[in-house]
Amino acid sequence: MTIEYSDFEKVEIRVGKIIEVEDFKEARNPSYKLKIDFGEFGIKKSAAQITENYTKEQLRGMFVISTINFKPKQIANIMSEALIMGVNDKKGNVTLLQPDSKNIALGSRIY
């Protein structure tokens, strides 16, 4: 399936920084609850099944790439407001996509 570039432009893909990480005990699969700072776009909540590749300590302060304008989604007892982007590794576990520099302003748009 192909889409028009104008469709892609509707998706707000932005750089954020993980500022809080908690175990998400209510989730069906091992997950974390995250709070991500997107600068002028605010702090948003997310849930992520990334416990196989990341500890809470590794995630705190990590810059990530996320969509921020999808309709919020109820996941167990939280409303997820951002979708962190990642790719499955060879074992099928999510590896997060990250900018290669921390000299990027929070909330910067990905094009």
PDB file of N, CA and C in Angstrom:
ATOM      1  N   MET A   1       0.846  -1.180   0.000  1.00  0.00           N
ATOM      2  CA  MET A   1       0.000   0.000   0.000  1.00  0.00           C
ATOM      3  C   MET A   1       0.885   1.235   0.000  1.00  0.00           C
ATOM      4  N   THR A   2       0.537   2.180  -0.800  1.00  0.00           N
ATOM      5  CA  THR A   2       1.242   3.456  -0.811  1.00  0.00           C
ATOM      6  C   THR A   2       0.312   4.528  -0.246  1.00  0.00           C
ATOM      7  N   ILE A   3       0.929   5.560   0.292  1.00  0.00           N
ATOM      8  CA  ILE A   3       0.169   6.694   0.811  1.00  0.00           C
ATOM      9  C   ILE A   3       0.727   7.969   0.195  1.00  0.00           C
ATOM     10  N   GLU A   4      -0.043   8.991   0.279  1.00  0.00           N
ATOM     11  CA  GLU A   4       0.412  10.298  -0.190  1.00  0.00           C
ATOM     12  C   GLU A   4       1.317  10.925   0.877  1.00  0.00           C
ATOM     13  N   TYR A   5       2.226  11.773   0.453  1.00  0.00           N
ATOM     14  CA  TYR A   5       3.088  12.470   1.409  1.00  0.00           C
ATOM     15  C   TYR A   5       2.256  13.279   2.396  1.00  0.00           C
ATOM     16  N   SER A   6       1.148  13.805   1.934  1.00  0.00           N
ATOM     17  CA  SER A   6       0.277  14.587   2.817  1.00  0.00           C
ATOM     18  C   SER A   6      -0.256  13.722   3.972  1.00  0.00           C
ATOM     19  N   ASP A   7      -0.422  12.406   3.753  1.00  0.00           N
ATOM     20  CA  ASP A   7      -0.823  11.507   4.838  1.00  0.00           C
ATOM     21  C   ASP A   7       0.283  11.407   5.882  1.00  0.00           C
ATOM     22  N   PHE A   8       1.512  11.264   5.437  1.00  0.00           N
ATOM     23  CA  PHE A   8       2.657  11.189   6.347  1.00  0.00           C
ATOM     24  C   PHE A   8       2.792  12.465   7.165  1.00  0.00           C
ATOM     25  N   GLU A   9       2.535  13.597   6.536  1.00  0.00           N
ATOM     26  CA  GLU A   9       2.662  14.882   7.236  1.00  0.00           C
ATOM     27  C   GLU A   9       1.690  15.016   8.401  1.00  0.00           C
ATOM     28  N   LYS A  10       0.618  14.254   8.409  1.00  0.00           N
ATOM     29  CA  LYS A  10      -0.353  14.310   9.499  1.00  0.00           C
ATOM     30  C   LYS A  10       0.162  13.670  10.776  1.00  0.00           C
ATOM     31  N   VAL A  11       1.141  12.798  10.659  1.00  0.00           N
ATOM     32  CA  VAL A  11       1.664  12.087  11.826  1.00  0.00           C
ATOM     33  C   VAL A  11       2.746  12.939  12.488  1.00  0.00           C
ATOM     34  N   GLU A  12       2.517  13.284  13.755  1.00  0.00           N
ATOM     35  CA  GLU A  12       3.479  14.076  14.526  1.00  0.00           C
ATOM     36  C   GLU A  12       4.491  13.126  15.157  1.00  0.00           C
ATOM     37  N   ILE A  13       5.645  12.998  14.533  1.00  0.00           N
ATOM     38  CA  ILE A  13       6.730  12.164  15.060  1.00  0.00           C
ATOM     39  C   ILE A  13       7.763  13.117  15.645  1.00  0.00           C
ATOM     40  N   ARG A  14       7.990  12.992  16.946  1.00  0.00           N
ATOM     41  CA  ARG A  14       8.816  13.970  17.653  1.00  0.00           C
ATOM     42  C   ARG A  14       9.824  13.308  18.577  1.00  0.00           C
ATOM     43  N   VAL A  15      10.844  14.079  18.947  1.00  0.00           N
ATOM     44  CA  VAL A  15      11.875  13.631  19.878  1.00  0.00           C
ATOM     45  C   VAL A  15      11.423  13.942  21.302  1.00  0.00           C
ATOM     46  N   GLY A  16      11.538  12.949  22.155  1.00  0.00           N
ATOM     47  CA  GLY A  16      11.208  13.125  23.564  1.00  0.00           C
ATOM     48  C   GLY A  16      12.297  12.536  24.439  1.00  0.00           C
ATOM     49  N   LYS A  17      12.210  12.825  25.713  1.00  0.00           N
ATOM     50  CA  LYS A  17      13.166  12.312  26.699  1.00  0.00           C
ATOM     51  C   LYS A  17      12.382  11.624  27.807  1.00  0.00           C
ATOM     52  N   ILE A  18      12.722  10.373  28.067  1.00  0.00           N
ATOM     53  CA  ILE A  18      12.043   9.630  29.125  1.00  0.00           C
ATOM     54  C   ILE A  18      12.478  10.194  30.464  1.00  0.00           C
ATOM     55  N   ILE A  19      11.495  10.625  31.269  1.00  0.00           N
ATOM     56  CA  ILE A  19      11.833  11.237  32.561  1.00  0.00           C
ATOM     57  C   ILE A  19      11.390  10.390  33.754  1.00  0.00           C
ATOM     58  N   GLU A  20      10.444   9.473  33.531  1.00  0.00           N
ATOM     59  CA  GLU A  20      10.000   8.576  34.606  1.00  0.00           C
ATOM     60  C   GLU A  20       9.736   7.198  34.035  1.00  0.00           C
ATOM     61  N   VAL A  21      10.110   6.165  34.812  1.00  0.00           N
ATOM     62  CA  VAL A  21       9.878   4.777  34.411  1.00  0.00           C
ATOM     63  C   VAL A  21       9.400   4.007  35.633  1.00  0.00           C
ATOM     64  N   GLU A  22       8.306   3.277  35.466  1.00  0.00           N
ATOM     65  CA  GLU A  22       7.783   2.432  36.536  1.00  0.00           C
ATOM     66  C   GLU A  22       7.418   1.067  35.958  1.00  0.00           C
ATOM     67  N   ASP A  23       7.477   0.038  36.788  1.00  0.00           N
ATOM     68  CA  ASP A  23       6.952  -1.260  36.374  1.00  0.00           C
ATOM     69  C   ASP A  23       5.457  -1.113  36.147  1.00  0.00           C
ATOM     70  N   PHE A  24       4.943  -1.771  35.137  1.00  0.00           N
ATOM     71  CA  PHE A  24       3.526  -1.727  34.807  1.00  0.00           C
ATOM     72  C   PHE A  24       2.924  -3.082  35.168  1.00  0.00           C
ATOM     73  N   LYS A  25       2.655  -3.248  36.439  1.00  0.00           N
ATOM     74  CA  LYS A  25       2.197  -4.528  36.977  1.00  0.00           C
ATOM     75  C   LYS A  25       0.827  -4.935  36.466  1.00  0.00           C
ATOM     76  N   GLU A  26       0.001  -3.972  36.070  1.00  0.00           N
ATOM     77  CA  GLU A  26      -1.357  -4.265  35.611  1.00  0.00           C
ATOM     78  C   GLU A  26      -1.403  -4.746  34.153  1.00  0.00           C
ATOM     79  N   ALA A  27      -0.327  -4.584  33.418  1.00  0.00           N
ATOM     80  CA  ALA A  27      -0.295  -4.979  32.004  1.00  0.00           C
ATOM     81  C   ALA A  27      -0.281  -6.499  31.858  1.00  0.00           C
ATOM     82  N   ARG A  28      -0.830  -6.982  30.760  1.00  0.00           N
ATOM     83  CA  ARG A  28      -0.851  -8.428  30.483  1.00  0.00           C
ATOM     84  C   ARG A  28       0.547  -8.991  30.270  1.00  0.00           C
ATOM     85  N   ASN A  29       1.374  -8.235  29.560  1.00  0.00           N
ATOM     86  CA  ASN A  29       2.749  -8.654  29.273  1.00  0.00           C
ATOM     87  C   ASN A  29       3.710  -7.727  30.005  1.00  0.00           C
ATOM     88  N   PRO A  30       4.896  -8.205  30.349  1.00  0.00           N
ATOM     89  CA  PRO A  30       5.858  -7.344  31.062  1.00  0.00           C
ATOM     90  C   PRO A  30       6.069  -6.018  30.321  1.00  0.00           C
ATOM     91  N   SER A  31       5.842  -4.934  31.038  1.00  0.00           N
ATOM     92  CA  SER A  31       5.886  -3.600  30.436  1.00  0.00           C
ATOM     93  C   SER A  31       6.325  -2.569  31.462  1.00  0.00           C
ATOM     94  N   TYR A  32       6.626  -1.383  30.935  1.00  0.00           N
ATOM     95  CA  TYR A  32       6.909  -0.222  31.771  1.00  0.00           C
ATOM     96  C   TYR A  32       5.867   0.860  31.503  1.00  0.00           C
ATOM     97  N   LYS A  33       5.583   1.664  32.530  1.00  0.00           N
ATOM     98  CA  LYS A  33       4.846   2.919  32.382  1.00  0.00           C
ATOM     99  C   LYS A  33       5.909   3.996  32.242  1.00  0.00           C
ATOM    100  N   LEU A  34       5.751   4.860  31.265  1.00  0.00           N
ATOM    101  CA  LEU A  34       6.742   5.904  31.004  1.00  0.00           C
ATOM    102  C   LEU A  34       6.089   7.284  31.003  1.00  0.00           C
ATOM    103  N   LYS A  35       6.861   8.266  31.427  1.00  0.00           N
ATOM    104  CA  LYS A  35       6.501   9.664  31.200  1.00  0.00           C
ATOM    105  C   LYS A  35       7.624  10.230  30.346  1.00  0.00           C
ATOM    106  N   ILE A  36       7.216  10.890  29.258  1.00  0.00           N
ATOM    107  CA  ILE A  36       8.165  11.389  28.271  1.00  0.00           C
ATOM    108  C   ILE A  36       7.967  12.882  28.100  1.00  0.00           C
ATOM    109  N   ASP A  37       9.066  13.635  28.168  1.00  0.00           N
ATOM    110  CA  ASP A  37       9.039  15.088  28.012  1.00  0.00           C
ATOM    111  C   ASP A  37       9.251  15.434  26.544  1.00  0.00           C
ATOM    112  N   PHE A  38       8.270  16.126  25.958  1.00  0.00           N
ATOM    113  CA  PHE A  38       8.350  16.567  24.575  1.00  0.00           C
ATOM    114  C   PHE A  38       8.491  18.081  24.483  1.00  0.00           C
ATOM    115  N   GLY A  39       9.113  18.702  25.462  1.00  0.00           N
ATOM    116  CA  GLY A  39       9.337  20.144  25.430  1.00  0.00           C
ATOM    117  C   GLY A  39       8.030  20.900  25.385  1.00  0.00           C
ATOM    118  N   GLU A  40       7.874  21.769  24.402  1.00  0.00           N
ATOM    119  CA  GLU A  40       6.676  22.618  24.307  1.00  0.00           C
ATOM    120  C   GLU A  40       5.389  21.810  24.119  1.00  0.00           C
ATOM    121  N   PHE A  41       5.483  20.529  23.786  1.00  0.00           N
ATOM    122  CA  PHE A  41       4.304  19.679  23.596  1.00  0.00           C
ATOM    123  C   PHE A  41       3.907  18.958  24.879  1.00  0.00           C
ATOM    124  N   GLY A  42       4.661  19.191  25.944  1.00  0.00           N
ATOM    125  CA  GLY A  42       4.301  18.671  27.248  1.00  0.00           C
ATOM    126  C   GLY A  42       4.843  17.294  27.560  1.00  0.00           C
ATOM    127  N   ILE A  43       4.452  16.817  28.715  1.00  0.00           N
ATOM    128  CA  ILE A  43       4.839  15.496  29.197  1.00  0.00           C
ATOM    129  C   ILE A  43       3.687  14.547  28.907  1.00  0.00           C
ATOM    130  N   LYS A  44       4.013  13.443  28.268  1.00  0.00           N
ATOM    131  CA  LYS A  44       2.991  12.473  27.877  1.00  0.00           C
ATOM    132  C   LYS A  44       3.304  11.107  28.468  1.00  0.00           C
ATOM    133  N   LYS A  45       2.233  10.345  28.723  1.00  0.00           N
ATOM    134  CA  LYS A  45       2.364   8.993  29.263  1.00  0.00           C
ATOM    135  C   LYS A  45       2.380   7.978  28.128  1.00  0.00           C
ATOM    136  N   SER A  46       3.079   6.878  28.380  1.00  0.00           N
ATOM    137  CA  SER A  46       3.110   5.792  27.417  1.00  0.00           C
ATOM    138  C   SER A  46       3.331   4.486  28.160  1.00  0.00           C
ATOM    139  N   ALA A  47       2.973   3.395  27.514  1.00  0.00           N
ATOM    140  CA  ALA A  47       3.261   2.058  28.028  1.00  0.00           C
ATOM    141  C   ALA A  47       4.079   1.349  26.964  1.00  0.00           C
ATOM    142  N   ALA A  48       5.075   0.589  27.401  1.00  0.00           N
ATOM    143  CA  ALA A  48       5.954  -0.051  26.422  1.00  0.00           C
ATOM    144  C   ALA A  48       6.409  -1.422  26.899  1.00  0.00           C
ATOM    145  N   GLN A  49       6.312  -2.389  26.002  1.00  0.00           N
ATOM    146  CA  GLN A  49       6.784  -3.743  26.274  1.00  0.00           C
ATOM    147  C   GLN A  49       8.252  -3.832  25.852  1.00  0.00           C
ATOM    148  N   ILE A  50       9.113  -3.265  26.683  1.00  0.00           N
ATOM    149  CA  ILE A  50      10.539  -3.186  26.344  1.00  0.00           C
ATOM    150  C   ILE A  50      11.415  -3.705  27.485  1.00  0.00           C
ATOM    151  N   THR A  51      10.823  -4.522  28.347  1.00  0.00           N
ATOM    152  CA  THR A  51      11.552  -4.981  29.537  1.00  0.00           C
ATOM    153  C   THR A  51      12.676  -5.964  29.211  1.00  0.00           C
ATOM    154  N   GLU A  52      12.617  -6.622  28.062  1.00  0.00           N
ATOM    155  CA  GLU A  52      13.664  -7.590  27.702  1.00  0.00           C
ATOM    156  C   GLU A  52      14.981  -6.907  27.355  1.00  0.00           C
ATOM    157  N   ASN A  53      14.913  -5.732  26.747  1.00  0.00           N
ATOM    158  CA  ASN A  53      16.134  -5.058  26.291  1.00  0.00           C
ATOM    159  C   ASN A  53      16.573  -3.883  27.148  1.00  0.00           C
ATOM    160  N   TYR A  54      15.717  -3.414  28.072  1.00  0.00           N
ATOM    161  CA  TYR A  54      16.042  -2.202  28.822  1.00  0.00           C
ATOM    162  C   TYR A  54      15.662  -2.330  30.290  1.00  0.00           C
ATOM    163  N   THR A  55      16.536  -1.818  31.143  1.00  0.00           N
ATOM    164  CA  THR A  55      16.198  -1.676  32.555  1.00  0.00           C
ATOM    165  C   THR A  55      15.616  -0.282  32.757  1.00  0.00           C
ATOM    166  N   LYS A  56      14.990  -0.076  33.895  1.00  0.00           N
ATOM    167  CA  LYS A  56      14.442   1.258  34.201  1.00  0.00           C
ATOM    168  C   LYS A  56      15.572   2.290  34.233  1.00  0.00           C
ATOM    169  N   GLU A  57      16.706   1.895  34.768  1.00  0.00           N
ATOM    170  CA  GLU A  57      17.834   2.824  34.865  1.00  0.00           C
ATOM    171  C   GLU A  57      18.347   3.216  33.483  1.00  0.00           C
ATOM    172  N   GLN A  58      18.385   2.271  32.543  1.00  0.00           N
ATOM    173  CA  GLN A  58      18.839   2.579  31.184  1.00  0.00           C
ATOM    174  C   GLN A  58      17.885   3.543  30.485  1.00  0.00           C
ATOM    175  N   LEU A  59      16.606   3.432  30.774  1.00  0.00           N
ATOM    176  CA  LEU A  59      15.607   4.238  30.085  1.00  0.00           C
ATOM    177  C   LEU A  59      15.530   5.675  30.585  1.00  0.00           C
ATOM    178  N   ARG A  60      15.753   5.887  31.881  1.00  0.00           N
ATOM    179  CA  ARG A  60      15.668   7.250  32.423  1.00  0.00           C
ATOM    180  C   ARG A  60      16.692   8.152  31.742  1.00  0.00           C
ATOM    181  N   GLY A  61      16.206   9.221  31.152  1.00  0.00           N
ATOM    182  CA  GLY A  61      17.090  10.171  30.469  1.00  0.00           C
ATOM    183  C   GLY A  61      17.325   9.847  29.002  1.00  0.00           C
ATOM    184  N   MET A  62      16.795   8.722  28.518  1.00  0.00           N
ATOM    185  CA  MET A  62      16.995   8.320  27.130  1.00  0.00           C
ATOM    186  C   MET A  62      16.141   9.179  26.199  1.00  0.00           C
ATOM    187  N   PHE A  63      16.738   9.609  25.093  1.00  0.00           N
ATOM    188  CA  PHE A  63      16.015  10.309  24.045  1.00  0.00           C
ATOM    189  C   PHE A  63      15.389   9.260  23.137  1.00  0.00           C
ATOM    190  N   VAL A  64      14.117   9.464  22.777  1.00  0.00           N
ATOM    191  CA  VAL A  64      13.380   8.511  21.951  1.00  0.00           C
ATOM    192  C   VAL A  64      12.612   9.246  20.860  1.00  0.00           C
ATOM    193  N   ILE A  65      12.133   8.482  19.905  1.00  0.00           N
ATOM    194  CA  ILE A  65      11.320   9.004  18.820  1.00  0.00           C
ATOM    195  C   ILE A  65       9.917   8.433  19.003  1.00  0.00           C
ATOM    196  N   SER A  66       8.922   9.317  19.016  1.00  0.00           N
ATOM    197  CA  SER A  66       7.548   8.897  19.306  1.00  0.00           C
ATOM    198  C   SER A  66       6.541   9.653  18.457  1.00  0.00           C
ATOM    199  N   THR A  67       5.417   9.014  18.238  1.00  0.00           N
ATOM    200  CA  THR A  67       4.278   9.740  17.685  1.00  0.00           C
ATOM    201  C   THR A  67       3.521  10.345  18.856  1.00  0.00           C
ATOM    202  N   ILE A  68       3.014  11.555  18.671  1.00  0.00           N
ATOM    203  CA  ILE A  68       2.317  12.209  19.782  1.00  0.00           C
ATOM    204  C   ILE A  68       0.898  12.633  19.429  1.00  0.00           C
ATOM    205  N   ASN A  69       0.444  12.338  18.209  1.00  0.00           N
ATOM    206  CA  ASN A  69      -0.907  12.790  17.866  1.00  0.00           C
ATOM    207  C   ASN A  69      -1.857  11.651  17.489  1.00  0.00           C
ATOM    208  N   PHE A  70      -1.519  10.415  17.841  1.00  0.00           N
ATOM    209  CA  PHE A  70      -2.505   9.351  17.715  1.00  0.00           C
ATOM    210  C   PHE A  70      -3.545   9.546  18.807  1.00  0.00           C
ATOM    211  N   LYS A  71      -4.731   9.063  18.572  1.00  0.00           N
ATOM    212  CA  LYS A  71      -5.772   9.115  19.586  1.00  0.00           C
ATOM    213  C   LYS A  71      -5.280   8.352  20.821  1.00  0.00           C
ATOM    214  N   PRO A  72      -5.391   8.927  22.033  1.00  0.00           N
ATOM    215  CA  PRO A  72      -4.952   8.210  23.239  1.00  0.00           C
ATOM    216  C   PRO A  72      -5.608   6.837  23.330  1.00  0.00           C
ATOM    217  N   LYS A  73      -4.851   5.876  23.867  1.00  0.00           N
ATOM    218  CA  LYS A  73      -5.325   4.494  23.937  1.00  0.00           C
ATOM    219  C   LYS A  73      -5.266   3.994  25.373  1.00  0.00           C
ATOM    220  N   GLN A  74      -6.379   3.429  25.829  1.00  0.00           N
ATOM    221  CA  GLN A  74      -6.427   2.864  27.179  1.00  0.00           C
ATOM    222  C   GLN A  74      -5.653   1.551  27.189  1.00  0.00           C
ATOM    223  N   ILE A  75      -4.649   1.463  28.041  1.00  0.00           N
ATOM    224  CA  ILE A  75      -3.874   0.240  28.220  1.00  0.00           C
ATOM    225  C   ILE A  75      -3.910  -0.068  29.709  1.00  0.00           C
ATOM    226  N   ALA A  76      -4.651  -1.118  30.065  1.00  0.00           N
ATOM    227  CA  ALA A  76      -4.891  -1.459  31.477  1.00  0.00           C
ATOM    228  C   ALA A  76      -5.400  -0.210  32.182  1.00  0.00           C
ATOM    229  N   ASN A  77      -4.660   0.294  33.176  1.00  0.00           N
ATOM    230  CA  ASN A  77      -5.167   1.425  33.950  1.00  0.00           C
ATOM    231  C   ASN A  77      -4.539   2.770  33.594  1.00  0.00           C
ATOM    232  N   ILE A  78      -3.869   2.873  32.435  1.00  0.00           N
ATOM    233  CA  ILE A  78      -3.360   4.183  32.018  1.00  0.00           C
ATOM    234  C   ILE A  78      -3.848   4.520  30.613  1.00  0.00           C
ATOM    235  N   MET A  79      -3.876   5.800  30.314  1.00  0.00           N
ATOM    236  CA  MET A  79      -4.218   6.272  28.983  1.00  0.00           C
ATOM    237  C   MET A  79      -2.898   6.624  28.296  1.00  0.00           C
ATOM    238  N   SER A  80      -2.506   5.824  27.315  1.00  0.00           N
ATOM    239  CA  SER A  80      -1.255   6.055  26.598  1.00  0.00           C
ATOM    240  C   SER A  80      -1.453   7.194  25.605  1.00  0.00           C
ATOM    241  N   GLU A  81      -0.557   8.194  25.671  1.00  0.00           N
ATOM    242  CA  GLU A  81      -0.669   9.397  24.845  1.00  0.00           C
ATOM    243  C   GLU A  81       0.420   9.512  23.792  1.00  0.00           C
ATOM    244  N   ALA A  82       1.391   8.618  23.825  1.00  0.00           N
ATOM    245  CA  ALA A  82       2.500   8.656  22.872  1.00  0.00           C
ATOM    246  C   ALA A  82       2.888   7.218  22.533  1.00  0.00           C
ATOM    247  N   LEU A  83       3.273   6.993  21.295  1.00  0.00           N
ATOM    248  CA  LEU A  83       3.724   5.679  20.861  1.00  0.00           C
ATOM    249  C   LEU A  83       5.208   5.762  20.531  1.00  0.00           C
ATOM    250  N   ILE A  84       6.022   5.111  21.356  1.00  0.00           N
ATOM    251  CA  ILE A  84       7.463   5.103  21.119  1.00  0.00           C
ATOM    252  C   ILE A  84       7.758   4.191  19.940  1.00  0.00           C
ATOM    253  N   MET A  85       8.652   4.622  19.084  1.00  0.00           N
ATOM    254  CA  MET A  85       8.974   3.843  17.893  1.00  0.00           C
ATOM    255  C   MET A  85      10.171   2.934  18.143  1.00  0.00           C
ATOM    256  N   GLY A  86      10.056   1.741  17.626  1.00  0.00           N
ATOM    257  CA  GLY A  86      11.122   0.768  17.776  1.00  0.00           C
ATOM    258  C   GLY A  86      11.049  -0.271  16.673  1.00  0.00           C
ATOM    259  N   VAL A  87      11.986  -1.194  16.723  1.00  0.00           N
ATOM    260  CA  VAL A  87      12.068  -2.273  15.752  1.00  0.00           C
ATOM    261  C   VAL A  87      12.375  -3.562  16.502  1.00  0.00           C
ATOM    262  N   ASN A  88      11.853  -4.671  16.028  1.00  0.00           N
ATOM    263  CA  ASN A  88      12.146  -5.949  16.681  1.00  0.00           C
ATOM    264  C   ASN A  88      13.572  -6.387  16.371  1.00  0.00           C
ATOM    265  N   ASP A  89      14.266  -6.842  17.411  1.00  0.00           N
ATOM    266  CA  ASP A  89      15.599  -7.407  17.202  1.00  0.00           C
ATOM    267  C   ASP A  89      15.458  -8.853  16.740  1.00  0.00           C
ATOM    268  N   LYS A  90      16.568  -9.562  16.599  1.00  0.00           N
ATOM    269  CA  LYS A  90      16.541 -10.939  16.094  1.00  0.00           C
ATOM    270  C   LYS A  90      15.785 -11.893  17.005  1.00  0.00           C
ATOM    271  N   LYS A  91      15.627 -11.532  18.277  1.00  0.00           N
ATOM    272  CA  LYS A  91      14.883 -12.366  19.222  1.00  0.00           C
ATOM    273  C   LYS A  91      13.412 -11.964  19.305  1.00  0.00           C
ATOM    274  N   GLY A  92      13.030 -10.914  18.575  1.00  0.00           N
ATOM    275  CA  GLY A  92      11.650 -10.452  18.583  1.00  0.00           C
ATOM    276  C   GLY A  92      11.342  -9.427  19.659  1.00  0.00           C
ATOM    277  N   ASN A  93      12.370  -8.935  20.342  1.00  0.00           N
ATOM    278  CA  ASN A  93      12.189  -7.916  21.380  1.00  0.00           C
ATOM    279  C   ASN A  93      12.398  -6.525  20.787  1.00  0.00           C
ATOM    280  N   VAL A  94      11.680  -5.548  21.318  1.00  0.00           N
ATOM    281  CA  VAL A  94      11.733  -4.191  20.775  1.00  0.00           C
ATOM    282  C   VAL A  94      13.023  -3.477  21.158  1.00  0.00           C
ATOM    283  N   THR A  95      13.672  -2.912  20.145  1.00  0.00           N
ATOM    284  CA  THR A  95      14.811  -2.017  20.315  1.00  0.00           C
ATOM    285  C   THR A  95      14.339  -0.635  19.896  1.00  0.00           C
ATOM    286  N   LEU A  96      14.511   0.339  20.764  1.00  0.00           N
ATOM    287  CA  LEU A  96      13.990   1.686  20.511  1.00  0.00           C
ATOM    288  C   LEU A  96      14.808   2.437  19.475  1.00  0.00           C
ATOM    289  N   LEU A  97      14.120   3.234  18.667  1.00  0.00           N
ATOM    290  CA  LEU A  97      14.792   4.138  17.742  1.00  0.00           C
ATOM    291  C   LEU A  97      15.159   5.394  18.511  1.00  0.00           C
ATOM    292  N   GLN A  98      16.370   5.881  18.268  1.00  0.00           N
ATOM    293  CA  GLN A  98      16.856   7.049  19.002  1.00  0.00           C
ATOM    294  C   GLN A  98      17.603   7.986  18.071  1.00  0.00           C
ATOM    295  N   PRO A  99      17.537   9.296  18.344  1.00  0.00           N
ATOM    296  CA  PRO A  99      18.403  10.214  17.602  1.00  0.00           C
ATOM    297  C   PRO A  99      19.853   9.951  18.019  1.00  0.00           C
ATOM    298  N   ASP A 100      20.800  10.199  17.139  1.00  0.00           N
ATOM    299  CA  ASP A 100      22.188   9.919  17.480  1.00  0.00           C
ATOM    300  C   ASP A 100      22.874  11.079  18.197  1.00  0.00           C
ATOM    301  N   SER A 101      22.111  12.100  18.542  1.00  0.00           N
ATOM    302  CA  SER A 101      22.655  13.248  19.259  1.00  0.00           C
ATOM    303  C   SER A 101      21.682  13.694  20.333  1.00  0.00           C
ATOM    304  N   LYS A 102      22.209  14.121  21.456  1.00  0.00           N
ATOM    305  CA  LYS A 102      21.380  14.691  22.515  1.00  0.00           C
ATOM    306  C   LYS A 102      21.325  16.214  22.379  1.00  0.00           C
ATOM    307  N   ASN A 103      21.906  16.752  21.319  1.00  0.00           N
ATOM    308  CA  ASN A 103      21.887  18.190  21.062  1.00  0.00           C
ATOM    309  C   ASN A 103      20.667  18.593  20.244  1.00  0.00           C
ATOM    310  N   ILE A 104      19.596  17.828  20.380  1.00  0.00           N
ATOM    311  CA  ILE A 104      18.357  18.085  19.658  1.00  0.00           C
ATOM    312  C   ILE A 104      17.326  18.570  20.675  1.00  0.00           C
ATOM    313  N   ALA A 105      16.590  19.611  20.331  1.00  0.00           N
ATOM    314  CA  ALA A 105      15.584  20.147  21.244  1.00  0.00           C
ATOM    315  C   ALA A 105      14.450  19.143  21.419  1.00  0.00           C
ATOM    316  N   LEU A 106      13.978  18.988  22.657  1.00  0.00           N
ATOM    317  CA  LEU A 106      12.826  18.144  22.916  1.00  0.00           C
ATOM    318  C   LEU A 106      11.642  18.654  22.126  1.00  0.00           C
ATOM    319  N   GLY A 107      10.913  17.749  21.507  1.00  0.00           N
ATOM    320  CA  GLY A 107       9.775  18.131  20.679  1.00  0.00           C
ATOM    321  C   GLY A 107      10.110  18.341  19.215  1.00  0.00           C
ATOM    322  N   SER A 108      11.406  18.236  18.862  1.00  0.00           N
ATOM    323  CA  SER A 108      11.781  18.403  17.448  1.00  0.00           C
ATOM    324  C   SER A 108      11.040  17.396  16.594  1.00  0.00           C
ATOM    325  N   ARG A 109      10.613  17.849  15.430  1.00  0.00           N
ATOM    326  CA  ARG A 109       9.822  16.989  14.531  1.00  0.00           C
ATOM    327  C   ARG A 109      10.728  16.149  13.643  1.00  0.00           C
ATOM    328  N   ILE A 110      10.310  14.919  13.423  1.00  0.00           N
ATOM    329  CA  ILE A 110      10.996  14.020  12.499  1.00  0.00           C
ATOM    330  C   ILE A 110      10.315  14.145  11.149  1.00  0.00           C
ATOM    331  N   TYR A 111      11.099  14.310  10.111  1.00  0.00           N
ATOM    332  CA  TYR A 111      10.564  14.426   8.741  1.00  0.00           C
ATOM    333  C   TYR A 111      11.088  13.299   7.897  1.00  0.00           C
TER     334      TYR A 111
END
